[in-house]
Amino acid sequence: MHELSIAMGIVKIAEDETAKVKENTVTKIELEIGQLAGIEIDSLNFVWESAVKDSVLEKAIKEITIIPGKAKCADCDTVFYLENIYDSCPKCNSNFKGILQGKELRVKALEVI
């Protein structure tokens, strides 16, 4: 379950950023996670409490925004949404595409006190 290491990485980012502003409590964290990033949100939520225990995020409210997968077909230039990285173009059925969005994993904002 790599979601635990992802959660620990998010804790590290939060601790580094709060140290820069000399604060030690985060009240809210906003995350952006792409639908194609390979992260199971349920698994991340399951390990979250253990990962943030005794950290600056222990009492923080977590908000997750899911970024939908979006691609551009390399053959017909159609821009389309996709649920899986292997989805083909709905117009020409080509599997050749460039991913435009959906692979993100970003700490968008931290509220500190």
PDB file of N, CA and C in Angstrom:
ATOM      1  N   MET A   1       0.849  -1.175   0.000  1.00  0.00           N
ATOM      2  CA  MET A   1       0.000   0.000   0.000  1.00  0.00           C
ATOM      3  C   MET A   1       0.895   1.238   0.000  1.00  0.00           C
ATOM      4  N   HIS A   2       1.064   1.850  -1.164  1.00  0.00           N
ATOM      5  CA  HIS A   2       1.935   3.011  -1.261  1.00  0.00           C
ATOM      6  C   HIS A   2       1.269   4.291  -0.770  1.00  0.00           C
ATOM      7  N   GLU A   3      -0.015   4.232  -0.445  1.00  0.00           N
ATOM      8  CA  GLU A   3      -0.709   5.420   0.057  1.00  0.00           C
ATOM      9  C   GLU A   3      -0.131   5.888   1.390  1.00  0.00           C
ATOM     10  N   LEU A   4       0.398   4.954   2.203  1.00  0.00           N
ATOM     11  CA  LEU A   4       1.026   5.350   3.461  1.00  0.00           C
ATOM     12  C   LEU A   4       2.259   6.204   3.200  1.00  0.00           C
ATOM     13  N   SER A   5       3.090   5.813   2.247  1.00  0.00           N
ATOM     14  CA  SER A   5       4.277   6.621   1.938  1.00  0.00           C
ATOM     15  C   SER A   5       3.882   7.960   1.327  1.00  0.00           C
ATOM     16  N   ILE A   6       2.799   7.990   0.576  1.00  0.00           N
ATOM     17  CA  ILE A   6       2.302   9.262   0.030  1.00  0.00           C
ATOM     18  C   ILE A   6       1.835  10.160   1.168  1.00  0.00           C
ATOM     19  N   ALA A   7       1.083   9.602   2.105  1.00  0.00           N
ATOM     20  CA  ALA A   7       0.614  10.381   3.258  1.00  0.00           C
ATOM     21  C   ALA A   7       1.794  10.904   4.075  1.00  0.00           C
ATOM     22  N   MET A   8       2.815  10.080   4.257  1.00  0.00           N
ATOM     23  CA  MET A   8       4.003  10.520   5.007  1.00  0.00           C
ATOM     24  C   MET A   8       4.730  11.640   4.248  1.00  0.00           C
ATOM     25  N   GLY A   9       4.745  11.579   2.940  1.00  0.00           N
ATOM     26  CA  GLY A   9       5.340  12.645   2.139  1.00  0.00           C
ATOM     27  C   GLY A   9       4.568  13.946   2.282  1.00  0.00           C
ATOM     28  N   ILE A  10       3.255  13.854   2.348  1.00  0.00           N
ATOM     29  CA  ILE A  10       2.421  15.045   2.547  1.00  0.00           C
ATOM     30  C   ILE A  10       2.698  15.648   3.920  1.00  0.00           C
ATOM     31  N   VAL A  11       2.847  14.797   4.936  1.00  0.00           N
ATOM     32  CA  VAL A  11       3.196  15.272   6.286  1.00  0.00           C
ATOM     33  C   VAL A  11       4.530  16.014   6.245  1.00  0.00           C
ATOM     34  N   LYS A  12       5.504  15.466   5.552  1.00  0.00           N
ATOM     35  CA  LYS A  12       6.832  16.105   5.445  1.00  0.00           C
ATOM     36  C   LYS A  12       6.723  17.481   4.787  1.00  0.00           C
ATOM     37  N   ILE A  13       5.945  17.583   3.719  1.00  0.00           N
ATOM     38  CA  ILE A  13       5.745  18.871   3.052  1.00  0.00           C
ATOM     39  C   ILE A  13       5.125  19.871   4.021  1.00  0.00           C
ATOM     40  N   ALA A  14       4.089  19.437   4.746  1.00  0.00           N
ATOM     41  CA  ALA A  14       3.417  20.322   5.700  1.00  0.00           C
ATOM     42  C   ALA A  14       4.362  20.760   6.816  1.00  0.00           C
ATOM     43  N   GLU A  15       5.177  19.852   7.318  1.00  0.00           N
ATOM     44  CA  GLU A  15       6.120  20.209   8.383  1.00  0.00           C
ATOM     45  C   GLU A  15       7.185  21.173   7.878  1.00  0.00           C
ATOM     46  N   ASP A  16       7.678  20.958   6.670  1.00  0.00           N
ATOM     47  CA  ASP A  16       8.672  21.868   6.092  1.00  0.00           C
ATOM     48  C   ASP A  16       8.094  23.265   5.894  1.00  0.00           C
ATOM     49  N   GLU A  17       6.861  23.339   5.387  1.00  0.00           N
ATOM     50  CA  GLU A  17       6.244  24.640   5.119  1.00  0.00           C
ATOM     51  C   GLU A  17       5.877  25.385   6.404  1.00  0.00           C
ATOM     52  N   THR A  18       5.407  24.662   7.414  1.00  0.00           N
ATOM     53  CA  THR A  18       5.071  25.336   8.668  1.00  0.00           C
ATOM     54  C   THR A  18       6.339  25.801   9.390  1.00  0.00           C
ATOM     55  N   ALA A  19       7.432  25.083   9.234  1.00  0.00           N
ATOM     56  CA  ALA A  19       8.696  25.500   9.841  1.00  0.00           C
ATOM     57  C   ALA A  19       9.186  26.805   9.222  1.00  0.00           C
ATOM     58  N   LYS A  20       8.931  26.999   7.929  1.00  0.00           N
ATOM     59  CA  LYS A  20       9.346  28.237   7.250  1.00  0.00           C
ATOM     60  C   LYS A  20       8.659  29.471   7.828  1.00  0.00           C
ATOM     61  N   VAL A  21       7.404  29.302   8.254  1.00  0.00           N
ATOM     62  CA  VAL A  21       6.650  30.439   8.804  1.00  0.00           C
ATOM     63  C   VAL A  21       6.588  30.391  10.332  1.00  0.00           C
ATOM     64  N   LYS A  22       7.368  29.485  10.907  1.00  0.00           N
ATOM     65  CA  LYS A  22       7.482  29.347  12.366  1.00  0.00           C
ATOM     66  C   LYS A  22       6.127  29.116  13.038  1.00  0.00           C
ATOM     67  N   GLU A  23       5.337  28.240  12.450  1.00  0.00           N
ATOM     68  CA  GLU A  23       4.059  27.822  13.032  1.00  0.00           C
ATOM     69  C   GLU A  23       4.124  26.318  13.254  1.00  0.00           C
ATOM     70  N   ASN A  24       3.219  25.813  14.102  1.00  0.00           N
ATOM     71  CA  ASN A  24       3.287  24.382  14.373  1.00  0.00           C
ATOM     72  C   ASN A  24       1.948  23.665  14.327  1.00  0.00           C
ATOM     73  N   THR A  25       0.906  24.343  13.857  1.00  0.00           N
ATOM     74  CA  THR A  25      -0.392  23.689  13.740  1.00  0.00           C
ATOM     75  C   THR A  25      -1.050  24.059  12.419  1.00  0.00           C
ATOM     76  N   VAL A  26      -1.471  23.048  11.701  1.00  0.00           N
ATOM     77  CA  VAL A  26      -2.215  23.245  10.462  1.00  0.00           C
ATOM     78  C   VAL A  26      -3.681  22.972  10.767  1.00  0.00           C
ATOM     79  N   THR A  27      -4.561  23.908  10.385  1.00  0.00           N
ATOM     80  CA  THR A  27      -5.991  23.718  10.622  1.00  0.00           C
ATOM     81  C   THR A  27      -6.693  23.100   9.424  1.00  0.00           C
ATOM     82  N   LYS A  28      -6.115  23.280   8.233  1.00  0.00           N
ATOM     83  CA  LYS A  28      -6.745  22.751   7.024  1.00  0.00           C
ATOM     84  C   LYS A  28      -5.678  22.485   5.976  1.00  0.00           C
ATOM     85  N   ILE A  29      -5.823  21.366   5.258  1.00  0.00           N
ATOM     86  CA  ILE A  29      -4.934  21.054   4.149  1.00  0.00           C
ATOM     87  C   ILE A  29      -5.802  20.727   2.940  1.00  0.00           C
ATOM     88  N   GLU A  30      -5.456  21.322   1.801  1.00  0.00           N
ATOM     89  CA  GLU A  30      -6.172  21.068   0.557  1.00  0.00           C
ATOM     90  C   GLU A  30      -5.243  20.308  -0.391  1.00  0.00           C
ATOM     91  N   LEU A  31      -5.731  19.170  -0.865  1.00  0.00           N
ATOM     92  CA  LEU A  31      -4.963  18.323  -1.773  1.00  0.00           C
ATOM     93  C   LEU A  31      -5.666  18.238  -3.118  1.00  0.00           C
ATOM     94  N   GLU A  32      -4.884  18.182  -4.189  1.00  0.00           N
ATOM     95  CA  GLU A  32      -5.406  17.907  -5.522  1.00  0.00           C
ATOM     96  C   GLU A  32      -4.802  16.578  -5.973  1.00  0.00           C
ATOM     97  N   ILE A  33      -5.665  15.635  -6.291  1.00  0.00           N
ATOM     98  CA  ILE A  33      -5.212  14.305  -6.693  1.00  0.00           C
ATOM     99  C   ILE A  33      -5.869  13.956  -8.022  1.00  0.00           C
ATOM    100  N   GLY A  34      -5.032  13.640  -8.995  1.00  0.00           N
ATOM    101  CA  GLY A  34      -5.535  13.278 -10.314  1.00  0.00           C
ATOM    102  C   GLY A  34      -6.133  11.887 -10.330  1.00  0.00           C
ATOM    103  N   GLN A  35      -7.162  11.737 -11.132  1.00  0.00           N
ATOM    104  CA  GLN A  35      -7.851  10.457 -11.276  1.00  0.00           C
ATOM    105  C   GLN A  35      -6.924   9.386 -11.843  1.00  0.00           C
ATOM    106  N   LEU A  36      -5.891   9.802 -12.569  1.00  0.00           N
ATOM    107  CA  LEU A  36      -4.964   8.861 -13.196  1.00  0.00           C
ATOM    108  C   LEU A  36      -3.659   8.715 -12.402  1.00  0.00           C
ATOM    109  N   ALA A  37      -3.603   9.279 -11.199  1.00  0.00           N
ATOM    110  CA  ALA A  37      -2.366   9.287 -10.417  1.00  0.00           C
ATOM    111  C   ALA A  37      -2.050   7.933  -9.770  1.00  0.00           C
ATOM    112  N   GLY A  38      -2.985   7.017  -9.803  1.00  0.00           N
ATOM    113  CA  GLY A  38      -2.736   5.700  -9.218  1.00  0.00           C
ATOM    114  C   GLY A  38      -2.878   5.684  -7.709  1.00  0.00           C
ATOM    115  N   ILE A  39      -3.634   6.620  -7.177  1.00  0.00           N
ATOM    116  CA  ILE A  39      -3.829   6.705  -5.729  1.00  0.00           C
ATOM    117  C   ILE A  39      -5.268   6.334  -5.406  1.00  0.00           C
ATOM    118  N   GLU A  40      -5.428   5.373  -4.536  1.00  0.00           N
ATOM    119  CA  GLU A  40      -6.755   4.978  -4.072  1.00  0.00           C
ATOM    120  C   GLU A  40      -7.137   5.910  -2.914  1.00  0.00           C
ATOM    121  N   ILE A  41      -8.141   6.732  -3.135  1.00  0.00           N
ATOM    122  CA  ILE A  41      -8.557   7.714  -2.124  1.00  0.00           C
ATOM    123  C   ILE A  41      -8.998   7.019  -0.841  1.00  0.00           C
ATOM    124  N   ASP A  42      -9.726   5.909  -0.965  1.00  0.00           N
ATOM    125  CA  ASP A  42     -10.166   5.178   0.235  1.00  0.00           C
ATOM    126  C   ASP A  42      -8.966   4.681   1.045  1.00  0.00           C
ATOM    127  N   SER A  43      -7.938   4.210   0.358  1.00  0.00           N
ATOM    128  CA  SER A  43      -6.730   3.745   1.054  1.00  0.00           C
ATOM    129  C   SER A  43      -5.995   4.909   1.707  1.00  0.00           C
ATOM    130  N   LEU A  44      -5.926   6.038   1.014  1.00  0.00           N
ATOM    131  CA  LEU A  44      -5.281   7.228   1.581  1.00  0.00           C
ATOM    132  C   LEU A  44      -6.034   7.670   2.836  1.00  0.00           C
ATOM    133  N   ASN A  45      -7.352   7.691   2.766  1.00  0.00           N
ATOM    134  CA  ASN A  45      -8.152   8.066   3.936  1.00  0.00           C
ATOM    135  C   ASN A  45      -7.953   7.076   5.079  1.00  0.00           C
ATOM    136  N   PHE A  46      -7.797   5.801   4.760  1.00  0.00           N
ATOM    137  CA  PHE A  46      -7.607   4.759   5.770  1.00  0.00           C
ATOM    138  C   PHE A  46      -6.305   4.953   6.544  1.00  0.00           C
ATOM    139  N   VAL A  47      -5.222   5.300   5.846  1.00  0.00           N
ATOM    140  CA  VAL A  47      -3.922   5.429   6.509  1.00  0.00           C
ATOM    141  C   VAL A  47      -3.675   6.842   7.044  1.00  0.00           C
ATOM    142  N   TRP A  48      -4.525   7.790   6.689  1.00  0.00           N
ATOM    143  CA  TRP A  48      -4.298   9.195   7.023  1.00  0.00           C
ATOM    144  C   TRP A  48      -4.118   9.416   8.519  1.00  0.00           C
ATOM    145  N   GLU A  49      -5.002   8.871   9.320  1.00  0.00           N
ATOM    146  CA  GLU A  49      -4.952   9.104  10.761  1.00  0.00           C
ATOM    147  C   GLU A  49      -3.631   8.627  11.364  1.00  0.00           C
ATOM    148  N   SER A  50      -3.161   7.483  10.926  1.00  0.00           N
ATOM    149  CA  SER A  50      -1.881   6.961  11.427  1.00  0.00           C
ATOM    150  C   SER A  50      -0.716   7.818  10.957  1.00  0.00           C
ATOM    151  N   ALA A  51      -0.781   8.275   9.717  1.00  0.00           N
ATOM    152  CA  ALA A  51       0.327   9.048   9.143  1.00  0.00           C
ATOM    153  C   ALA A  51       0.474  10.419   9.795  1.00  0.00           C
ATOM    154  N   VAL A  52      -0.642  11.037  10.173  1.00  0.00           N
ATOM    155  CA  VAL A  52      -0.572  12.404  10.699  1.00  0.00           C
ATOM    156  C   VAL A  52      -0.469  12.452  12.219  1.00  0.00           C
ATOM    157  N   LYS A  53      -0.544  11.314  12.883  1.00  0.00           N
ATOM    158  CA  LYS A  53      -0.466  11.286  14.349  1.00  0.00           C
ATOM    159  C   LYS A  53       0.838  11.938  14.820  1.00  0.00           C
ATOM    160  N   ASP A  54       0.711  12.824  15.806  1.00  0.00           N
ATOM    161  CA  ASP A  54       1.840  13.555  16.391  1.00  0.00           C
ATOM    162  C   ASP A  54       2.573  14.439  15.377  1.00  0.00           C
ATOM    163  N   SER A  55       1.872  14.917  14.364  1.00  0.00           N
ATOM    164  CA  SER A  55       2.473  15.831  13.381  1.00  0.00           C
ATOM    165  C   SER A  55       1.675  17.128  13.344  1.00  0.00           C
ATOM    166  N   VAL A  56       2.129  18.062  12.541  1.00  0.00           N
ATOM    167  CA  VAL A  56       1.430  19.348  12.400  1.00  0.00           C
ATOM    168  C   VAL A  56       0.052  19.181  11.764  1.00  0.00           C
ATOM    169  N   LEU A  57      -0.197  18.023  11.140  1.00  0.00           N
ATOM    170  CA  LEU A  57      -1.479  17.782  10.472  1.00  0.00           C
ATOM    171  C   LEU A  57      -2.475  17.006  11.327  1.00  0.00           C
ATOM    172  N   GLU A  58      -2.099  16.700  12.564  1.00  0.00           N
ATOM    173  CA  GLU A  58      -2.932  15.828  13.394  1.00  0.00           C
ATOM    174  C   GLU A  58      -4.371  16.335  13.528  1.00  0.00           C
ATOM    175  N   LYS A  59      -4.561  17.636  13.660  1.00  0.00           N
ATOM    176  CA  LYS A  59      -5.903  18.188  13.860  1.00  0.00           C
ATOM    177  C   LYS A  59      -6.434  18.901  12.622  1.00  0.00           C
ATOM    178  N   ALA A  60      -5.752  18.753  11.506  1.00  0.00           N
ATOM    179  CA  ALA A  60      -6.140  19.462  10.288  1.00  0.00           C
ATOM    180  C   ALA A  60      -7.333  18.801   9.599  1.00  0.00           C
ATOM    181  N   ILE A  61      -8.165  19.637   9.020  1.00  0.00           N
ATOM    182  CA  ILE A  61      -9.242  19.163   8.159  1.00  0.00           C
ATOM    183  C   ILE A  61      -8.625  18.930   6.779  1.00  0.00           C
ATOM    184  N   LYS A  62      -8.903  17.773   6.205  1.00  0.00           N
ATOM    185  CA  LYS A  62      -8.339  17.414   4.895  1.00  0.00           C
ATOM    186  C   LYS A  62      -9.425  17.554   3.838  1.00  0.00           C
ATOM    187  N   GLU A  63      -9.122  18.318   2.794  1.00  0.00           N
ATOM    188  CA  GLU A  63     -10.014  18.449   1.642  1.00  0.00           C
ATOM    189  C   GLU A  63      -9.292  17.924   0.414  1.00  0.00           C
ATOM    190  N   ILE A  64      -9.948  17.025  -0.314  1.00  0.00           N
ATOM    191  CA  ILE A  64      -9.355  16.453  -1.513  1.00  0.00           C
ATOM    192  C   ILE A  64     -10.207  16.834  -2.720  1.00  0.00           C
ATOM    193  N   THR A  65      -9.559  17.404  -3.728  1.00  0.00           N
ATOM    194  CA  THR A  65     -10.205  17.686  -5.003  1.00  0.00           C
ATOM    195  C   THR A  65      -9.664  16.679  -6.008  1.00  0.00           C
ATOM    196  N   ILE A  66     -10.578  15.979  -6.672  1.00  0.00           N
ATOM    197  CA  ILE A  66     -10.187  15.000  -7.676  1.00  0.00           C
ATOM    198  C   ILE A  66     -10.120  15.700  -9.036  1.00  0.00           C
ATOM    199  N   ILE A  67      -8.965  15.595  -9.698  1.00  0.00           N
ATOM    200  CA  ILE A  67      -8.775  16.171 -11.026  1.00  0.00           C
ATOM    201  C   ILE A  67      -9.086  15.073 -12.051  1.00  0.00           C
ATOM    202  N   PRO A  68     -10.067  15.301 -12.926  1.00  0.00           N
ATOM    203  CA  PRO A  68     -10.410  14.253 -13.901  1.00  0.00           C
ATOM    204  C   PRO A  68      -9.302  14.045 -14.928  1.00  0.00           C
ATOM    205  N   GLY A  69      -9.236  12.836 -15.449  1.00  0.00           N
ATOM    206  CA  GLY A  69      -8.269  12.527 -16.493  1.00  0.00           C
ATOM    207  C   GLY A  69      -8.696  13.144 -17.815  1.00  0.00           C
ATOM    208  N   LYS A  70      -7.748  13.740 -18.509  1.00  0.00           N
ATOM    209  CA  LYS A  70      -8.038  14.390 -19.785  1.00  0.00           C
ATOM    210  C   LYS A  70      -6.852  14.155 -20.709  1.00  0.00           C
ATOM    211  N   ALA A  71      -7.145  13.860 -21.973  1.00  0.00           N
ATOM    212  CA  ALA A  71      -6.080  13.566 -22.930  1.00  0.00           C
ATOM    213  C   ALA A  71      -6.388  14.185 -24.283  1.00  0.00           C
ATOM    214  N   LYS A  72      -5.359  14.224 -25.131  1.00  0.00           N
ATOM    215  CA  LYS A  72      -5.508  14.692 -26.512  1.00  0.00           C
ATOM    216  C   LYS A  72      -5.002  13.578 -27.422  1.00  0.00           C
ATOM    217  N   CYS A  73      -5.849  13.178 -28.350  1.00  0.00           N
ATOM    218  CA  CYS A  73      -5.499  12.110 -29.268  1.00  0.00           C
ATOM    219  C   CYS A  73      -4.368  12.562 -30.192  1.00  0.00           C
ATOM    220  N   ALA A  74      -3.367  11.722 -30.335  1.00  0.00           N
ATOM    221  CA  ALA A  74      -2.224  12.039 -31.201  1.00  0.00           C
ATOM    222  C   ALA A  74      -2.568  11.882 -32.676  1.00  0.00           C
ATOM    223  N   ASP A  75      -3.620  11.139 -32.989  1.00  0.00           N
ATOM    224  CA  ASP A  75      -3.978  10.907 -34.384  1.00  0.00           C
ATOM    225  C   ASP A  75      -4.996  11.905 -34.935  1.00  0.00           C
ATOM    226  N   CYS A  76      -6.031  12.228 -34.132  1.00  0.00           N
ATOM    227  CA  CYS A  76      -7.087  13.112 -34.662  1.00  0.00           C
ATOM    228  C   CYS A  76      -7.247  14.414 -33.880  1.00  0.00           C
ATOM    229  N   ASP A  77      -6.393  14.643 -32.887  1.00  0.00           N
ATOM    230  CA  ASP A  77      -6.393  15.866 -32.068  1.00  0.00           C
ATOM    231  C   ASP A  77      -7.658  16.075 -31.225  1.00  0.00           C
ATOM    232  N   THR A  78      -8.451  15.051 -31.036  1.00  0.00           N
ATOM    233  CA  THR A  78      -9.629  15.157 -30.181  1.00  0.00           C
ATOM    234  C   THR A  78      -9.187  15.219 -28.719  1.00  0.00           C
ATOM    235  N   VAL A  79      -9.747  16.159 -27.981  1.00  0.00           N
ATOM    236  CA  VAL A  79      -9.507  16.243 -26.536  1.00  0.00           C
ATOM    237  C   VAL A  79     -10.675  15.528 -25.857  1.00  0.00           C
ATOM    238  N   PHE A  80     -10.355  14.615 -24.951  1.00  0.00           N
ATOM    239  CA  PHE A  80     -11.401  13.817 -24.322  1.00  0.00           C
ATOM    240  C   PHE A  80     -11.027  13.479 -22.881  1.00  0.00           C
ATOM    241  N   TYR A  81     -12.064  13.170 -22.099  1.00  0.00           N
ATOM    242  CA  TYR A  81     -11.870  12.735 -20.722  1.00  0.00           C
ATOM    243  C   TYR A  81     -11.707  11.225 -20.692  1.00  0.00           C
ATOM    244  N   LEU A  82     -10.897  10.745 -19.770  1.00  0.00           N
ATOM    245  CA  LEU A  82     -10.706   9.314 -19.642  1.00  0.00           C
ATOM    246  C   LEU A  82     -10.673   8.926 -18.173  1.00  0.00           C
ATOM    247  N   GLU A  83     -11.186   7.747 -17.896  1.00  0.00           N
ATOM    248  CA  GLU A  83     -11.209   7.240 -16.531  1.00  0.00           C
ATOM    249  C   GLU A  83      -9.980   6.405 -16.220  1.00  0.00           C
ATOM    250  N   ASN A  84      -9.424   5.763 -17.240  1.00  0.00           N
ATOM    251  CA  ASN A  84      -8.246   4.921 -17.085  1.00  0.00           C
ATOM    252  C   ASN A  84      -7.190   5.360 -18.084  1.00  0.00           C
ATOM    253  N   ILE A  85      -5.954   5.187 -17.723  1.00  0.00           N
ATOM    254  CA  ILE A  85      -4.839   5.617 -18.563  1.00  0.00           C
ATOM    255  C   ILE A  85      -4.844   4.904 -19.918  1.00  0.00           C
ATOM    256  N   TYR A  86      -5.468   3.724 -19.987  1.00  0.00           N
ATOM    257  CA  TYR A  86      -5.473   2.933 -21.213  1.00  0.00           C
ATOM    258  C   TYR A  86      -6.691   3.180 -22.101  1.00  0.00           C
ATOM    259  N   ASP A  87      -7.578   4.090 -21.715  1.00  0.00           N
ATOM    260  CA  ASP A  87      -8.755   4.375 -22.543  1.00  0.00           C
ATOM    261  C   ASP A  87      -8.324   4.913 -23.903  1.00  0.00           C
ATOM    262  N   SER A  88      -9.052   4.514 -24.935  1.00  0.00           N
ATOM    263  CA  SER A  88      -8.728   4.971 -26.292  1.00  0.00           C
ATOM    264  C   SER A  88      -9.600   6.165 -26.669  1.00  0.00           C
ATOM    265  N   CYS A  89      -9.225   6.817 -27.748  1.00  0.00           N
ATOM    266  CA  CYS A  89      -9.946   7.990 -28.245  1.00  0.00           C
ATOM    267  C   CYS A  89     -11.378   7.589 -28.618  1.00  0.00           C
ATOM    268  N   PRO A  90     -12.362   8.340 -28.150  1.00  0.00           N
ATOM    269  CA  PRO A  90     -13.748   7.985 -28.475  1.00  0.00           C
ATOM    270  C   PRO A  90     -14.103   8.279 -29.936  1.00  0.00           C
ATOM    271  N   LYS A  91     -13.334   9.108 -30.609  1.00  0.00           N
ATOM    272  CA  LYS A  91     -13.645   9.477 -31.994  1.00  0.00           C
ATOM    273  C   LYS A  91     -13.029   8.497 -32.997  1.00  0.00           C
ATOM    274  N   CYS A  92     -11.721   8.197 -32.835  1.00  0.00           N
ATOM    275  CA  CYS A  92     -11.043   7.362 -33.838  1.00  0.00           C
ATOM    276  C   CYS A  92     -10.533   6.035 -33.280  1.00  0.00           C
ATOM    277  N   ASN A  93     -10.717   5.804 -31.991  1.00  0.00           N
ATOM    278  CA  ASN A  93     -10.309   4.569 -31.317  1.00  0.00           C
ATOM    279  C   ASN A  93      -8.792   4.382 -31.189  1.00  0.00           C
ATOM    280  N   SER A  94      -8.033   5.419 -31.433  1.00  0.00           N
ATOM    281  CA  SER A  94      -6.582   5.333 -31.313  1.00  0.00           C
ATOM    282  C   SER A  94      -6.184   5.234 -29.839  1.00  0.00           C
ATOM    283  N   ASN A  95      -5.094   4.531 -29.594  1.00  0.00           N
ATOM    284  CA  ASN A  95      -4.547   4.449 -28.237  1.00  0.00           C
ATOM    285  C   ASN A  95      -3.411   5.437 -28.021  1.00  0.00           C
ATOM    286  N   PHE A  96      -3.057   6.193 -29.043  1.00  0.00           N
ATOM    287  CA  PHE A  96      -1.969   7.160 -28.940  1.00  0.00           C
ATOM    288  C   PHE A  96      -2.531   8.498 -28.490  1.00  0.00           C
ATOM    289  N   LYS A  97      -2.064   8.920 -27.331  1.00  0.00           N
ATOM    290  CA  LYS A  97      -2.597  10.155 -26.751  1.00  0.00           C
ATOM    291  C   LYS A  97      -1.567  10.803 -25.849  1.00  0.00           C
ATOM    292  N   GLY A  98      -1.762  12.077 -25.614  1.00  0.00           N
ATOM    293  CA  GLY A  98      -0.973  12.803 -24.626  1.00  0.00           C
ATOM    294  C   GLY A  98      -1.872  13.134 -23.455  1.00  0.00           C
ATOM    295  N   ILE A  99      -1.407  12.843 -22.258  1.00  0.00           N
ATOM    296  CA  ILE A  99      -2.194  13.136 -21.058  1.00  0.00           C
ATOM    297  C   ILE A  99      -2.075  14.630 -20.756  1.00  0.00           C
ATOM    298  N   LEU A 100      -3.210  15.304 -20.660  1.00  0.00           N
ATOM    299  CA  LEU A 100      -3.237  16.740 -20.370  1.00  0.00           C
ATOM    300  C   LEU A 100      -3.402  17.016 -18.880  1.00  0.00           C
ATOM    301  N   GLN A 101      -4.172  16.203 -18.215  1.00  0.00           N
ATOM    302  CA  GLN A 101      -4.368  16.363 -16.769  1.00  0.00           C
ATOM    303  C   GLN A 101      -4.861  15.060 -16.181  1.00  0.00           C
ATOM    304  N   GLY A 102      -4.721  14.958 -14.869  1.00  0.00           N
ATOM    305  CA  GLY A 102      -5.226  13.789 -14.172  1.00  0.00           C
ATOM    306  C   GLY A 102      -4.166  12.976 -13.463  1.00  0.00           C
ATOM    307  N   LYS A 103      -2.886  13.358 -13.625  1.00  0.00           N
ATOM    308  CA  LYS A 103      -1.812  12.621 -12.945  1.00  0.00           C
ATOM    309  C   LYS A 103      -1.254  13.422 -11.761  1.00  0.00           C
ATOM    310  N   GLU A 104      -1.930  14.516 -11.410  1.00  0.00           N
ATOM    311  CA  GLU A 104      -1.436  15.405 -10.356  1.00  0.00           C
ATOM    312  C   GLU A 104      -1.518  14.773  -8.971  1.00  0.00           C
ATOM    313  N   LEU A 105      -0.622  15.198  -8.139  1.00  0.00           N
ATOM    314  CA  LEU A 105      -0.669  14.951  -6.698  1.00  0.00           C
ATOM    315  C   LEU A 105      -0.020  16.189  -6.086  1.00  0.00           C
ATOM    316  N   ARG A 106      -0.851  17.068  -5.551  1.00  0.00           N
ATOM    317  CA  ARG A 106      -0.376  18.387  -5.149  1.00  0.00           C
ATOM    318  C   ARG A 106      -0.971  18.819  -3.827  1.00  0.00           C
ATOM    319  N   VAL A 107      -0.145  19.386  -2.962  1.00  0.00           N
ATOM    320  CA  VAL A 107      -0.633  20.080  -1.781  1.00  0.00           C
ATOM    321  C   VAL A 107      -0.955  21.493  -2.258  1.00  0.00           C
ATOM    322  N   LYS A 108      -2.243  21.782  -2.386  1.00  0.00           N
ATOM    323  CA  LYS A 108      -2.674  23.064  -2.929  1.00  0.00           C
ATOM    324  C   LYS A 108      -2.568  24.192  -1.905  1.00  0.00           C
ATOM    325  N   ALA A 109      -2.955  23.910  -0.669  1.00  0.00           N
ATOM    326  CA  ALA A 109      -2.937  24.965   0.346  1.00  0.00           C
ATOM    327  C   ALA A 109      -2.874  24.383   1.749  1.00  0.00           C
ATOM    328  N   LEU A 110      -2.287  25.170   2.628  1.00  0.00           N
ATOM    329  CA  LEU A 110      -2.240  24.860   4.055  1.00  0.00           C
ATOM    330  C   LEU A 110      -2.732  26.082   4.817  1.00  0.00           C
ATOM    331  N   GLU A 111      -3.624  25.884   5.771  1.00  0.00           N
ATOM    332  CA  GLU A 111      -4.024  26.958   6.677  1.00  0.00           C
ATOM    333  C   GLU A 111      -3.330  26.693   7.994  1.00  0.00           C
ATOM    334  N   VAL A 112      -2.573  27.676   8.476  1.00  0.00           N
ATOM    335  CA  VAL A 112      -1.839  27.496   9.729  1.00  0.00           C
ATOM    336  C   VAL A 112      -2.256  28.535  10.744  1.00  0.00           C
ATOM    337  N   ILE A 113      -2.080  28.165  12.012  1.00  0.00           N
ATOM    338  CA  ILE A 113      -2.315  29.140  13.087  1.00  0.00           C
ATOM    339  C   ILE A 113      -1.116  29.157  14.000  1.00  0.00           C
TER     340      ILE A 113
END
